[in-house]
Amino acid sequence: MNEYQQKLYELLLEKNKMLSASQAQTWIELLWEDFEATYAKAGREYKGAEMTERIVRQWVENHGSRLHEFVANNPKYKHLLEQDTKKLN
């Protein structure tokens, strides 16, 4: 996890007490990768990790407190986002 992702991970844990540490890390990695992939598919020039961090930070600020409510429809990710019994407080 890079420095930007570490800060976002910590922010998400502050915003959402329902997520475990591993779930928060997974969310940040998924959001990060999703933004970069979508941006690239749109044919946009890569603007660097700073821009990705800014966008993912907005998502966490706006939706982070409710991410635990997300029901993954994609079986590829569902197992990563299910609540675990070892949630950190």
PDB file of N, CA and C in Angstrom:
ATOM      1  N   MET A   1       0.861  -1.168   0.000  1.00  0.00           N
ATOM      2  CA  MET A   1       0.000   0.000   0.000  1.00  0.00           C
ATOM      3  C   MET A   1       0.909   1.232   0.000  1.00  0.00           C
ATOM      4  N   ASN A   2       0.627   2.168  -0.912  1.00  0.00           N
ATOM      5  CA  ASN A   2       1.450   3.370  -0.958  1.00  0.00           C
ATOM      6  C   ASN A   2       1.012   4.389   0.093  1.00  0.00           C
ATOM      7  N   GLU A   3       1.758   5.451   0.201  1.00  0.00           N
ATOM      8  CA  GLU A   3       1.484   6.476   1.225  1.00  0.00           C
ATOM      9  C   GLU A   3       0.094   7.090   1.064  1.00  0.00           C
ATOM     10  N   TYR A   4      -0.313   7.352  -0.157  1.00  0.00           N
ATOM     11  CA  TYR A   4      -1.642   7.921  -0.410  1.00  0.00           C
ATOM     12  C   TYR A   4      -2.732   6.964   0.047  1.00  0.00           C
ATOM     13  N   GLN A   5      -2.579   5.703  -0.320  1.00  0.00           N
ATOM     14  CA  GLN A   5      -3.571   4.704   0.051  1.00  0.00           C
ATOM     15  C   GLN A   5      -3.618   4.513   1.561  1.00  0.00           C
ATOM     16  N   GLN A   6      -2.479   4.593   2.226  1.00  0.00           N
ATOM     17  CA  GLN A   6      -2.440   4.457   3.680  1.00  0.00           C
ATOM     18  C   GLN A   6      -3.275   5.559   4.343  1.00  0.00           C
ATOM     19  N   LYS A   7      -3.147   6.785   3.866  1.00  0.00           N
ATOM     20  CA  LYS A   7      -3.925   7.896   4.428  1.00  0.00           C
ATOM     21  C   LYS A   7      -5.420   7.693   4.187  1.00  0.00           C
ATOM     22  N   LEU A   8      -5.767   7.217   2.998  1.00  0.00           N
ATOM     23  CA  LEU A   8      -7.169   6.964   2.677  1.00  0.00           C
ATOM     24  C   LEU A   8      -7.731   5.829   3.525  1.00  0.00           C
ATOM     25  N   TYR A   9      -6.930   4.812   3.729  1.00  0.00           N
ATOM     26  CA  TYR A   9      -7.311   3.681   4.572  1.00  0.00           C
ATOM     27  C   TYR A   9      -7.618   4.162   5.990  1.00  0.00           C
ATOM     28  N   GLU A  10      -6.761   4.992   6.536  1.00  0.00           N
ATOM     29  CA  GLU A  10      -6.973   5.529   7.885  1.00  0.00           C
ATOM     30  C   GLU A  10      -8.229   6.394   7.938  1.00  0.00           C
ATOM     31  N   LEU A  11      -8.445   7.193   6.893  1.00  0.00           N
ATOM     32  CA  LEU A  11      -9.641   8.028   6.826  1.00  0.00           C
ATOM     33  C   LEU A  11     -10.897   7.163   6.790  1.00  0.00           C
ATOM     34  N   LEU A  12     -10.877   6.110   5.990  1.00  0.00           N
ATOM     35  CA  LEU A  12     -12.046   5.238   5.893  1.00  0.00           C
ATOM     36  C   LEU A  12     -12.332   4.561   7.228  1.00  0.00           C
ATOM     37  N   LEU A  13     -11.309   4.145   7.937  1.00  0.00           N
ATOM     38  CA  LEU A  13     -11.527   3.539   9.253  1.00  0.00           C
ATOM     39  C   LEU A  13     -12.140   4.539  10.231  1.00  0.00           C
ATOM     40  N   GLU A  14     -11.778   5.809  10.105  1.00  0.00           N
ATOM     41  CA  GLU A  14     -12.383   6.846  10.949  1.00  0.00           C
ATOM     42  C   GLU A  14     -13.842   7.065  10.577  1.00  0.00           C
ATOM     43  N   LYS A  15     -14.138   7.043   9.284  1.00  0.00           N
ATOM     44  CA  LYS A  15     -15.490   7.312   8.790  1.00  0.00           C
ATOM     45  C   LYS A  15     -16.453   6.162   9.038  1.00  0.00           C
ATOM     46  N   ASN A  16     -15.937   4.936   9.030  1.00  0.00           N
ATOM     47  CA  ASN A  16     -16.820   3.773   9.091  1.00  0.00           C
ATOM     48  C   ASN A  16     -16.303   2.773  10.116  1.00  0.00           C
ATOM     49  N   LYS A  17     -16.927   2.767  11.263  1.00  0.00           N
ATOM     50  CA  LYS A  17     -16.538   1.861  12.352  1.00  0.00           C
ATOM     51  C   LYS A  17     -17.053   0.440  12.129  1.00  0.00           C
ATOM     52  N   MET A  18     -17.860   0.237  11.105  1.00  0.00           N
ATOM     53  CA  MET A  18     -18.414  -1.083  10.827  1.00  0.00           C
ATOM     54  C   MET A  18     -17.464  -1.947   9.996  1.00  0.00           C
ATOM     55  N   LEU A  19     -16.459  -1.347   9.403  1.00  0.00           N
ATOM     56  CA  LEU A  19     -15.518  -2.091   8.568  1.00  0.00           C
ATOM     57  C   LEU A  19     -14.337  -2.572   9.388  1.00  0.00           C
ATOM     58  N   SER A  20     -13.878  -3.754   9.073  1.00  0.00           N
ATOM     59  CA  SER A  20     -12.648  -4.243   9.686  1.00  0.00           C
ATOM     60  C   SER A  20     -11.470  -3.570   8.971  1.00  0.00           C
ATOM     61  N   ALA A  21     -10.305  -3.698   9.530  1.00  0.00           N
ATOM     62  CA  ALA A  21      -9.104  -3.139   8.915  1.00  0.00           C
ATOM     63  C   ALA A  21      -8.873  -3.735   7.527  1.00  0.00           C
ATOM     64  N   SER A  22      -9.054  -5.031   7.414  1.00  0.00           N
ATOM     65  CA  SER A  22      -8.832  -5.670   6.112  1.00  0.00           C
ATOM     66  C   SER A  22      -9.883  -5.243   5.087  1.00  0.00           C
ATOM     67  N   GLN A  23     -11.121  -5.049   5.532  1.00  0.00           N
ATOM     68  CA  GLN A  23     -12.165  -4.580   4.612  1.00  0.00           C
ATOM     69  C   GLN A  23     -11.877  -3.159   4.153  1.00  0.00           C
ATOM     70  N   ALA A  24     -11.442  -2.309   5.065  1.00  0.00           N
ATOM     71  CA  ALA A  24     -11.126  -0.932   4.693  1.00  0.00           C
ATOM     72  C   ALA A  24      -9.980  -0.906   3.686  1.00  0.00           C
ATOM     73  N   GLN A  25      -8.979  -1.724   3.909  1.00  0.00           N
ATOM     74  CA  GLN A  25      -7.860  -1.788   2.971  1.00  0.00           C
ATOM     75  C   GLN A  25      -8.334  -2.266   1.606  1.00  0.00           C
ATOM     76  N   THR A  26      -9.184  -3.291   1.604  1.00  0.00           N
ATOM     77  CA  THR A  26      -9.723  -3.812   0.345  1.00  0.00           C
ATOM     78  C   THR A  26     -10.514  -2.742  -0.388  1.00  0.00           C
ATOM     79  N   TRP A  27     -11.375  -2.011   0.337  1.00  0.00           N
ATOM     80  CA  TRP A  27     -12.156  -0.944  -0.277  1.00  0.00           C
ATOM     81  C   TRP A  27     -11.251   0.098  -0.933  1.00  0.00           C
ATOM     82  N   ILE A  28     -10.229   0.534  -0.229  1.00  0.00           N
ATOM     83  CA  ILE A  28      -9.335   1.551  -0.786  1.00  0.00           C
ATOM     84  C   ILE A  28      -8.635   1.023  -2.030  1.00  0.00           C
ATOM     85  N   GLU A  29      -8.158  -0.191  -1.977  1.00  0.00           N
ATOM     86  CA  GLU A  29      -7.492  -0.772  -3.143  1.00  0.00           C
ATOM     87  C   GLU A  29      -8.451  -0.902  -4.325  1.00  0.00           C
ATOM     88  N   LEU A  30      -9.680  -1.341  -4.062  1.00  0.00           N
ATOM     89  CA  LEU A  30     -10.657  -1.481  -5.141  1.00  0.00           C
ATOM     90  C   LEU A  30     -11.046  -0.131  -5.741  1.00  0.00           C
ATOM     91  N   LEU A  31     -11.305   0.857  -4.887  1.00  0.00           N
ATOM     92  CA  LEU A  31     -11.672   2.182  -5.391  1.00  0.00           C
ATOM     93  C   LEU A  31     -10.522   2.798  -6.179  1.00  0.00           C
ATOM     94  N   TRP A  32      -9.321   2.634  -5.683  1.00  0.00           N
ATOM     95  CA  TRP A  32      -8.128   3.171  -6.351  1.00  0.00           C
ATOM     96  C   TRP A  32      -7.983   2.552  -7.738  1.00  0.00           C
ATOM     97  N   GLU A  33      -8.009   1.235  -7.779  1.00  0.00           N
ATOM     98  CA  GLU A  33      -7.854   0.534  -9.050  1.00  0.00           C
ATOM     99  C   GLU A  33      -8.998   0.839 -10.010  1.00  0.00           C
ATOM    100  N   ASP A  34     -10.211   0.941  -9.488  1.00  0.00           N
ATOM    101  CA  ASP A  34     -11.364   1.228 -10.328  1.00  0.00           C
ATOM    102  C   ASP A  34     -11.231   2.600 -10.976  1.00  0.00           C
ATOM    103  N   PHE A  35     -10.846   3.595 -10.203  1.00  0.00           N
ATOM    104  CA  PHE A  35     -10.699   4.919 -10.781  1.00  0.00           C
ATOM    105  C   PHE A  35      -9.624   4.928 -11.856  1.00  0.00           C
ATOM    106  N   GLU A  36      -8.467   4.362 -11.553  1.00  0.00           N
ATOM    107  CA  GLU A  36      -7.377   4.386 -12.533  1.00  0.00           C
ATOM    108  C   GLU A  36      -7.741   3.618 -13.800  1.00  0.00           C
ATOM    109  N   ALA A  37      -8.403   2.480 -13.657  1.00  0.00           N
ATOM    110  CA  ALA A  37      -8.796   1.689 -14.828  1.00  0.00           C
ATOM    111  C   ALA A  37      -9.840   2.420 -15.661  1.00  0.00           C
ATOM    112  N   THR A  38     -10.827   2.995 -15.000  1.00  0.00           N
ATOM    113  CA  THR A  38     -11.875   3.726 -15.714  1.00  0.00           C
ATOM    114  C   THR A  38     -11.299   4.939 -16.427  1.00  0.00           C
ATOM    115  N   TYR A  39     -10.417   5.648 -15.777  1.00  0.00           N
ATOM    116  CA  TYR A  39      -9.776   6.822 -16.359  1.00  0.00           C
ATOM    117  C   TYR A  39      -8.971   6.431 -17.600  1.00  0.00           C
ATOM    118  N   ALA A  40      -8.246   5.322 -17.503  1.00  0.00           N
ATOM    119  CA  ALA A  40      -7.441   4.851 -18.630  1.00  0.00           C
ATOM    120  C   ALA A  40      -8.326   4.390 -19.788  1.00  0.00           C
ATOM    121  N   LYS A  41      -9.415   3.672 -19.471  1.00  0.00           N
ATOM    122  CA  LYS A  41     -10.312   3.194 -20.522  1.00  0.00           C
ATOM    123  C   LYS A  41     -10.965   4.348 -21.268  1.00  0.00           C
ATOM    124  N   ALA A  42     -11.130   5.467 -20.586  1.00  0.00           N
ATOM    125  CA  ALA A  42     -11.730   6.641 -21.215  1.00  0.00           C
ATOM    126  C   ALA A  42     -10.722   7.367 -22.104  1.00  0.00           C
ATOM    127  N   GLY A  43      -9.490   6.873 -22.119  1.00  0.00           N
ATOM    128  CA  GLY A  43      -8.469   7.463 -22.974  1.00  0.00           C
ATOM    129  C   GLY A  43      -7.840   8.717 -22.403  1.00  0.00           C
ATOM    130  N   ARG A  44      -8.001   8.934 -21.132  1.00  0.00           N
ATOM    131  CA  ARG A  44      -7.453  10.125 -20.493  1.00  0.00           C
ATOM    132  C   ARG A  44      -5.979   9.920 -20.145  1.00  0.00           C
ATOM    133  N   GLU A  45      -5.246  11.004 -20.158  1.00  0.00           N
ATOM    134  CA  GLU A  45      -3.837  10.967 -19.777  1.00  0.00           C
ATOM    135  C   GLU A  45      -3.734  10.791 -18.266  1.00  0.00           C
ATOM    136  N   TYR A  46      -2.834   9.911 -17.840  1.00  0.00           N
ATOM    137  CA  TYR A  46      -2.643   9.655 -16.414  1.00  0.00           C
ATOM    138  C   TYR A  46      -2.099  10.908 -15.741  1.00  0.00           C
ATOM    139  N   LYS A  47      -2.758  11.352 -14.686  1.00  0.00           N
ATOM    140  CA  LYS A  47      -2.378  12.573 -13.979  1.00  0.00           C
ATOM    141  C   LYS A  47      -1.624  12.297 -12.686  1.00  0.00           C
ATOM    142  N   GLY A  48      -1.363  11.040 -12.393  1.00  0.00           N
ATOM    143  CA  GLY A  48      -0.570  10.704 -11.224  1.00  0.00           C
ATOM    144  C   GLY A  48      -1.390  10.297 -10.023  1.00  0.00           C
ATOM    145  N   ALA A  49      -0.667   9.792  -9.023  1.00  0.00           N
ATOM    146  CA  ALA A  49      -1.293   9.288  -7.806  1.00  0.00           C
ATOM    147  C   ALA A  49      -1.995  10.393  -7.031  1.00  0.00           C
ATOM    148  N   GLU A  50      -1.524  11.626  -7.168  1.00  0.00           N
ATOM    149  CA  GLU A  50      -2.149  12.732  -6.440  1.00  0.00           C
ATOM    150  C   GLU A  50      -3.604  12.921  -6.870  1.00  0.00           C
ATOM    151  N   MET A  51      -3.842  12.825  -8.167  1.00  0.00           N
ATOM    152  CA  MET A  51      -5.210  12.987  -8.660  1.00  0.00           C
ATOM    153  C   MET A  51      -6.081  11.814  -8.212  1.00  0.00           C
ATOM    154  N   THR A  52      -5.547  10.605  -8.320  1.00  0.00           N
ATOM    155  CA  THR A  52      -6.301   9.434  -7.882  1.00  0.00           C
ATOM    156  C   THR A  52      -6.635   9.556  -6.405  1.00  0.00           C
ATOM    157  N   GLU A  53      -5.676   9.982  -5.605  1.00  0.00           N
ATOM    158  CA  GLU A  53      -5.903  10.163  -4.175  1.00  0.00           C
ATOM    159  C   GLU A  53      -7.012  11.177  -3.912  1.00  0.00           C
ATOM    160  N   ARG A  54      -7.017  12.258  -4.664  1.00  0.00           N
ATOM    161  CA  ARG A  54      -8.030  13.302  -4.484  1.00  0.00           C
ATOM    162  C   ARG A  54      -9.432  12.769  -4.779  1.00  0.00           C
ATOM    163  N   ILE A  55      -9.569  11.992  -5.854  1.00  0.00           N
ATOM    164  CA  ILE A  55     -10.879  11.449  -6.231  1.00  0.00           C
ATOM    165  C   ILE A  55     -11.341  10.407  -5.219  1.00  0.00           C
ATOM    166  N   VAL A  56     -10.464   9.485  -4.849  1.00  0.00           N
ATOM    167  CA  VAL A  56     -10.846   8.445  -3.888  1.00  0.00           C
ATOM    168  C   VAL A  56     -11.151   9.080  -2.533  1.00  0.00           C
ATOM    169  N   ARG A  57     -10.426  10.118  -2.164  1.00  0.00           N
ATOM    170  CA  ARG A  57     -10.711  10.834  -0.910  1.00  0.00           C
ATOM    171  C   ARG A  57     -12.132  11.403  -0.940  1.00  0.00           C
ATOM    172  N   GLN A  58     -12.541  11.975  -2.066  1.00  0.00           N
ATOM    173  CA  GLN A  58     -13.905  12.496  -2.191  1.00  0.00           C
ATOM    174  C   GLN A  58     -14.921  11.379  -2.006  1.00  0.00           C
ATOM    175  N   TRP A  59     -14.660  10.239  -2.616  1.00  0.00           N
ATOM    176  CA  TRP A  59     -15.581   9.106  -2.484  1.00  0.00           C
ATOM    177  C   TRP A  59     -15.684   8.664  -1.036  1.00  0.00           C
ATOM    178  N   VAL A  60     -14.536   8.578  -0.356  1.00  0.00           N
ATOM    179  CA  VAL A  60     -14.535   8.158   1.048  1.00  0.00           C
ATOM    180  C   VAL A  60     -15.254   9.193   1.908  1.00  0.00           C
ATOM    181  N   GLU A  61     -14.992  10.471   1.665  1.00  0.00           N
ATOM    182  CA  GLU A  61     -15.657  11.530   2.427  1.00  0.00           C
ATOM    183  C   GLU A  61     -17.172  11.473   2.231  1.00  0.00           C
ATOM    184  N   ASN A  62     -17.613  11.248   0.995  1.00  0.00           N
ATOM    185  CA  ASN A  62     -19.040  11.272   0.676  1.00  0.00           C
ATOM    186  C   ASN A  62     -19.770   9.962   0.981  1.00  0.00           C
ATOM    187  N   HIS A  63     -19.100   8.837   0.831  1.00  0.00           N
ATOM    188  CA  HIS A  63     -19.786   7.546   0.921  1.00  0.00           C
ATOM    189  C   HIS A  63     -19.162   6.572   1.914  1.00  0.00           C
ATOM    190  N   GLY A  64     -18.046   6.932   2.499  1.00  0.00           N
ATOM    191  CA  GLY A  64     -17.313   6.016   3.368  1.00  0.00           C
ATOM    192  C   GLY A  64     -18.107   5.487   4.538  1.00  0.00           C
ATOM    193  N   SER A  65     -18.953   6.308   5.115  1.00  0.00           N
ATOM    194  CA  SER A  65     -19.714   5.882   6.292  1.00  0.00           C
ATOM    195  C   SER A  65     -20.761   4.820   5.956  1.00  0.00           C
ATOM    196  N   ARG A  66     -21.058   4.645   4.655  1.00  0.00           N
ATOM    197  CA  ARG A  66     -22.083   3.684   4.251  1.00  0.00           C
ATOM    198  C   ARG A  66     -21.533   2.523   3.419  1.00  0.00           C
ATOM    199  N   LEU A  67     -20.234   2.452   3.253  1.00  0.00           N
ATOM    200  CA  LEU A  67     -19.682   1.401   2.398  1.00  0.00           C
ATOM    201  C   LEU A  67     -19.992  -0.001   2.915  1.00  0.00           C
ATOM    202  N   HIS A  68     -20.131  -0.151   4.217  1.00  0.00           N
ATOM    203  CA  HIS A  68     -20.438  -1.476   4.765  1.00  0.00           C
ATOM    204  C   HIS A  68     -21.814  -1.968   4.325  1.00  0.00           C
ATOM    205  N   GLU A  69     -22.675  -1.071   3.845  1.00  0.00           N
ATOM    206  CA  GLU A  69     -24.011  -1.445   3.394  1.00  0.00           C
ATOM    207  C   GLU A  69     -24.013  -1.978   1.963  1.00  0.00           C
ATOM    208  N   PHE A  70     -22.914  -1.790   1.277  1.00  0.00           N
ATOM    209  CA  PHE A  70     -22.807  -2.200  -0.120  1.00  0.00           C
ATOM    210  C   PHE A  70     -22.925  -3.714  -0.240  1.00  0.00           C
ATOM    211  N   VAL A  71     -23.781  -4.159  -1.139  1.00  0.00           N
ATOM    212  CA  VAL A  71     -23.911  -5.585  -1.418  1.00  0.00           C
ATOM    213  C   VAL A  71     -23.268  -5.825  -2.770  1.00  0.00           C
ATOM    214  N   ALA A  72     -22.166  -6.526  -2.748  1.00  0.00           N
ATOM    215  CA  ALA A  72     -21.433  -6.772  -3.999  1.00  0.00           C
ATOM    216  C   ALA A  72     -22.201  -7.761  -4.875  1.00  0.00           C
ATOM    217  N   ASN A  73     -22.543  -7.320  -6.067  1.00  0.00           N
ATOM    218  CA  ASN A  73     -23.224  -8.190  -7.020  1.00  0.00           C
ATOM    219  C   ASN A  73     -22.233  -9.022  -7.809  1.00  0.00           C
ATOM    220  N   ASN A  74     -20.991  -8.587  -7.827  1.00  0.00           N
ATOM    221  CA  ASN A  74     -19.971  -9.288  -8.577  1.00  0.00           C
ATOM    222  C   ASN A  74     -19.333 -10.356  -7.692  1.00  0.00           C
ATOM    223  N   PRO A  75     -19.528 -11.620  -8.012  1.00  0.00           N
ATOM    224  CA  PRO A  75     -18.987 -12.681  -7.171  1.00  0.00           C
ATOM    225  C   PRO A  75     -17.464 -12.614  -7.017  1.00  0.00           C
ATOM    226  N   LYS A  76     -16.813 -11.983  -7.972  1.00  0.00           N
ATOM    227  CA  LYS A  76     -15.357 -11.859  -7.904  1.00  0.00           C
ATOM    228  C   LYS A  76     -14.927 -11.067  -6.673  1.00  0.00           C
ATOM    229  N   TYR A  77     -15.743 -10.098  -6.249  1.00  0.00           N
ATOM    230  CA  TYR A  77     -15.382  -9.236  -5.129  1.00  0.00           C
ATOM    231  C   TYR A  77     -16.214  -9.476  -3.877  1.00  0.00           C
ATOM    232  N   LYS A  78     -17.332 -10.151  -4.016  1.00  0.00           N
ATOM    233  CA  LYS A  78     -18.237 -10.309  -2.884  1.00  0.00           C
ATOM    234  C   LYS A  78     -17.548 -10.879  -1.654  1.00  0.00           C
ATOM    235  N   HIS A  79     -16.736 -11.907  -1.829  1.00  0.00           N
ATOM    236  CA  HIS A  79     -16.056 -12.530  -0.685  1.00  0.00           C
ATOM    237  C   HIS A  79     -15.082 -11.571  -0.004  1.00  0.00           C
ATOM    238  N   LEU A  80     -14.595 -10.583  -0.724  1.00  0.00           N
ATOM    239  CA  LEU A  80     -13.671  -9.611  -0.148  1.00  0.00           C
ATOM    240  C   LEU A  80     -14.385  -8.585   0.723  1.00  0.00           C
ATOM    241  N   LEU A  81     -15.671  -8.383   0.461  1.00  0.00           N
ATOM    242  CA  LEU A  81     -16.398  -7.295   1.102  1.00  0.00           C
ATOM    243  C   LEU A  81     -17.401  -7.753   2.145  1.00  0.00           C
ATOM    244  N   GLU A  82     -17.542  -9.052   2.329  1.00  0.00           N
ATOM    245  CA  GLU A  82     -18.472  -9.545   3.342  1.00  0.00           C
ATOM    246  C   GLU A  82     -17.943  -9.202   4.722  1.00  0.00           C
ATOM    247  N   GLN A  83     -18.839  -8.969   5.654  1.00  0.00           N
ATOM    248  CA  GLN A  83     -18.446  -8.659   7.028  1.00  0.00           C
ATOM    249  C   GLN A  83     -17.715  -9.856   7.618  1.00  0.00           C
ATOM    250  N   ASP A  84     -16.656  -9.588   8.345  1.00  0.00           N
ATOM    251  CA  ASP A  84     -15.970 -10.675   9.018  1.00  0.00           C
ATOM    252  C   ASP A  84     -16.184 -10.552  10.535  1.00  0.00           C
ATOM    253  N   THR A  85     -15.923 -11.629  11.220  1.00  0.00           N
ATOM    254  CA  THR A  85     -16.165 -11.640  12.661  1.00  0.00           C
ATOM    255  C   THR A  85     -15.003 -11.082  13.463  1.00  0.00           C
ATOM    256  N   LYS A  86     -13.926 -10.696  12.790  1.00  0.00           N
ATOM    257  CA  LYS A  86     -12.745 -10.183  13.470  1.00  0.00           C
ATOM    258  C   LYS A  86     -12.611  -8.674  13.271  1.00  0.00           C
ATOM    259  N   LYS A  87     -13.730  -7.984  13.206  1.00  0.00           N
ATOM    260  CA  LYS A  87     -13.741  -6.539  13.003  1.00  0.00           C
ATOM    261  C   LYS A  87     -12.981  -5.837  14.130  1.00  0.00           C
ATOM    262  N   LEU A  88     -12.124  -4.904  13.742  1.00  0.00           N
ATOM    263  CA  LEU A  88     -11.416  -4.104  14.731  1.00  0.00           C
ATOM    264  C   LEU A  88     -12.292  -2.962  15.178  1.00  0.00           C
ATOM    265  N   ASN A  89     -12.247  -2.609  16.438  1.00  0.00           N
ATOM    266  CA  ASN A  89     -13.043  -1.485  16.954  1.00  0.00           C
ATOM    267  C   ASN A  89     -12.275  -0.210  16.897  1.00  0.00           C
TER     268      ASN A  89
END
